[in-house]
Amino acid sequence: MCIVIGKYFDDIGWVGFKNRDRNYVPELSFEHLTDSQPHRLLMHDDMTGYMEGINLAGIAVLSASLQVMDDEKE
């Protein structure tokens, strides 16, 4: 099961935390896109095509799966 947590810290601002439980060893790659504003940092799971990331403004796209076994079969 994936868990996503967001917390506001007075001295930092909003912080997001996430784990991603999988039944395989992922092959990860990272890409820093600077072709448009704001810049983006993306994480790719090269085996499944799964992607998530964050932009320069601190806006993140995270996803969570509650059915990991079913999700991996797809």
C-alpha atoms as a PDB file:
ATOM      1  CA  MET A   1       0.000   0.000   0.000  1.00  0.00           C
ATOM      2  CA  CYS A   2       1.254   3.511  -0.808  1.00  0.00           C
ATOM      3  CA  ILE A   3       1.046   6.235   1.800  1.00  0.00           C
ATOM      4  CA  VAL A   4       0.966   9.978   1.065  1.00  0.00           C
ATOM      5  CA  ILE A   5       1.362  12.545   3.856  1.00  0.00           C
ATOM      6  CA  GLY A   6       1.369  16.329   3.737  1.00  0.00           C
ATOM      7  CA  LYS A   7       2.370  18.530   6.684  1.00  0.00           C
ATOM      8  CA  TYR A   8       2.842  22.247   7.115  1.00  0.00           C
ATOM      9  CA  PHE A   9       5.963  23.373   9.014  1.00  0.00           C
ATOM     10  CA  ASP A  10       6.071  27.012  10.205  1.00  0.00           C
ATOM     11  CA  ASP A  11       9.721  27.523   9.219  1.00  0.00           C
ATOM     12  CA  ILE A  12       9.615  25.574   5.905  1.00  0.00           C
ATOM     13  CA  GLY A  13       6.068  25.518   4.527  1.00  0.00           C
ATOM     14  CA  TRP A  14       4.266  22.485   3.109  1.00  0.00           C
ATOM     15  CA  VAL A  15       6.212  19.240   2.836  1.00  0.00           C
ATOM     16  CA  GLY A  16       5.007  16.059   1.126  1.00  0.00           C
ATOM     17  CA  PHE A  17       6.134  12.527   1.963  1.00  0.00           C
ATOM     18  CA  LYS A  18       5.350   9.343   0.077  1.00  0.00           C
ATOM     19  CA  ASN A  19       6.355   5.699  -0.012  1.00  0.00           C
ATOM     20  CA  ARG A  20       5.705   3.422  -2.963  1.00  0.00           C
ATOM     21  CA  ASP A  21       5.449  -0.252  -2.068  1.00  0.00           C
ATOM     22  CA  ARG A  22       6.098  -2.566  -4.972  1.00  0.00           C
ATOM     23  CA  ASN A  23       6.699  -6.295  -5.333  1.00  0.00           C
ATOM     24  CA  TYR A  24       9.582  -5.778  -7.765  1.00  0.00           C
ATOM     25  CA  VAL A  25      12.816  -3.803  -7.853  1.00  0.00           C
ATOM     26  CA  PRO A  26      12.050  -0.701  -9.936  1.00  0.00           C
ATOM     27  CA  GLU A  27      14.354   0.762 -12.558  1.00  0.00           C
ATOM     28  CA  LEU A  28      14.181   4.507 -11.850  1.00  0.00           C
ATOM     29  CA  SER A  29      15.378   7.421 -13.903  1.00  0.00           C
ATOM     30  CA  PHE A  30      15.101  11.143 -13.223  1.00  0.00           C
ATOM     31  CA  GLU A  31      14.602  13.960 -15.686  1.00  0.00           C
ATOM     32  CA  HIS A  32      15.015  17.706 -15.089  1.00  0.00           C
ATOM     33  CA  LEU A  33      12.893  19.534 -17.670  1.00  0.00           C
ATOM     34  CA  THR A  34      13.865  23.136 -18.325  1.00  0.00           C
ATOM     35  CA  ASP A  35      12.057  23.664 -21.643  1.00  0.00           C
ATOM     36  CA  SER A  36       9.296  25.763 -20.084  1.00  0.00           C
ATOM     37  CA  GLN A  37       8.517  27.623 -16.880  1.00  0.00           C
ATOM     38  CA  PRO A  38       8.343  26.441 -14.220  1.00  0.00           C
ATOM     39  CA  HIS A  39      11.093  23.820 -14.418  1.00  0.00           C
ATOM     40  CA  ARG A  40      10.106  20.271 -13.445  1.00  0.00           C
ATOM     41  CA  LEU A  41      11.853  17.290 -11.872  1.00  0.00           C
ATOM     42  CA  LEU A  42      10.265  13.960 -12.839  1.00  0.00           C
ATOM     43  CA  MET A  43      10.842  10.429 -11.568  1.00  0.00           C
ATOM     44  CA  HIS A  44      10.106   7.620 -14.047  1.00  0.00           C
ATOM     45  CA  ASP A  45       9.673   3.931 -13.286  1.00  0.00           C
ATOM     46  CA  ASP A  46      11.122   2.652 -16.561  1.00  0.00           C
ATOM     47  CA  MET A  47       9.514  -0.789 -16.147  1.00  0.00           C
ATOM     48  CA  THR A  48       5.906   0.386 -15.775  1.00  0.00           C
ATOM     49  CA  GLY A  49       5.872   3.911 -17.187  1.00  0.00           C
ATOM     50  CA  TYR A  50       4.765   5.285 -13.815  1.00  0.00           C
ATOM     51  CA  MET A  51       5.784   8.927 -13.339  1.00  0.00           C
ATOM     52  CA  GLU A  52       5.515  11.579 -10.648  1.00  0.00           C
ATOM     53  CA  GLY A  53       7.273  14.853 -10.085  1.00  0.00           C
ATOM     54  CA  ILE A  54       7.555  18.343  -8.659  1.00  0.00           C
ATOM     55  CA  ASN A  55       7.909  21.759 -10.259  1.00  0.00           C
ATOM     56  CA  LEU A  56       9.990  24.777  -9.280  1.00  0.00           C
ATOM     57  CA  ALA A  57       6.993  26.343  -7.533  1.00  0.00           C
ATOM     58  CA  GLY A  58       6.826  23.347  -5.171  1.00  0.00           C
ATOM     59  CA  ILE A  59       3.686  21.837  -6.669  1.00  0.00           C
ATOM     60  CA  ALA A  60       3.995  18.046  -6.665  1.00  0.00           C
ATOM     61  CA  VAL A  61       2.018  15.316  -8.387  1.00  0.00           C
ATOM     62  CA  LEU A  62       1.907  12.158  -6.271  1.00  0.00           C
ATOM     63  CA  SER A  63      -0.318   9.135  -6.578  1.00  0.00           C
ATOM     64  CA  ALA A  64      -1.063   6.247  -4.277  1.00  0.00           C
ATOM     65  CA  SER A  65      -2.319   2.738  -4.969  1.00  0.00           C
ATOM     66  CA  LEU A  66      -4.371   0.818  -2.450  1.00  0.00           C
ATOM     67  CA  GLN A  67      -4.334  -2.407  -4.476  1.00  0.00           C
ATOM     68  CA  VAL A  68      -0.639  -2.901  -5.265  1.00  0.00           C
ATOM     69  CA  MET A  69      -0.992  -6.511  -6.408  1.00  0.00           C
ATOM     70  CA  ASP A  70      -3.848  -5.637  -8.802  1.00  0.00           C
ATOM     71  CA  ASP A  71      -2.087  -2.479  -9.957  1.00  0.00           C
ATOM     72  CA  GLU A  72       1.077  -4.387 -10.902  1.00  0.00           C
ATOM     73  CA  LYS A  73      -0.890  -6.946 -12.936  1.00  0.00           C
ATOM     74  CA  GLU A  74      -2.244  -4.169 -15.179  1.00  0.00           C
END
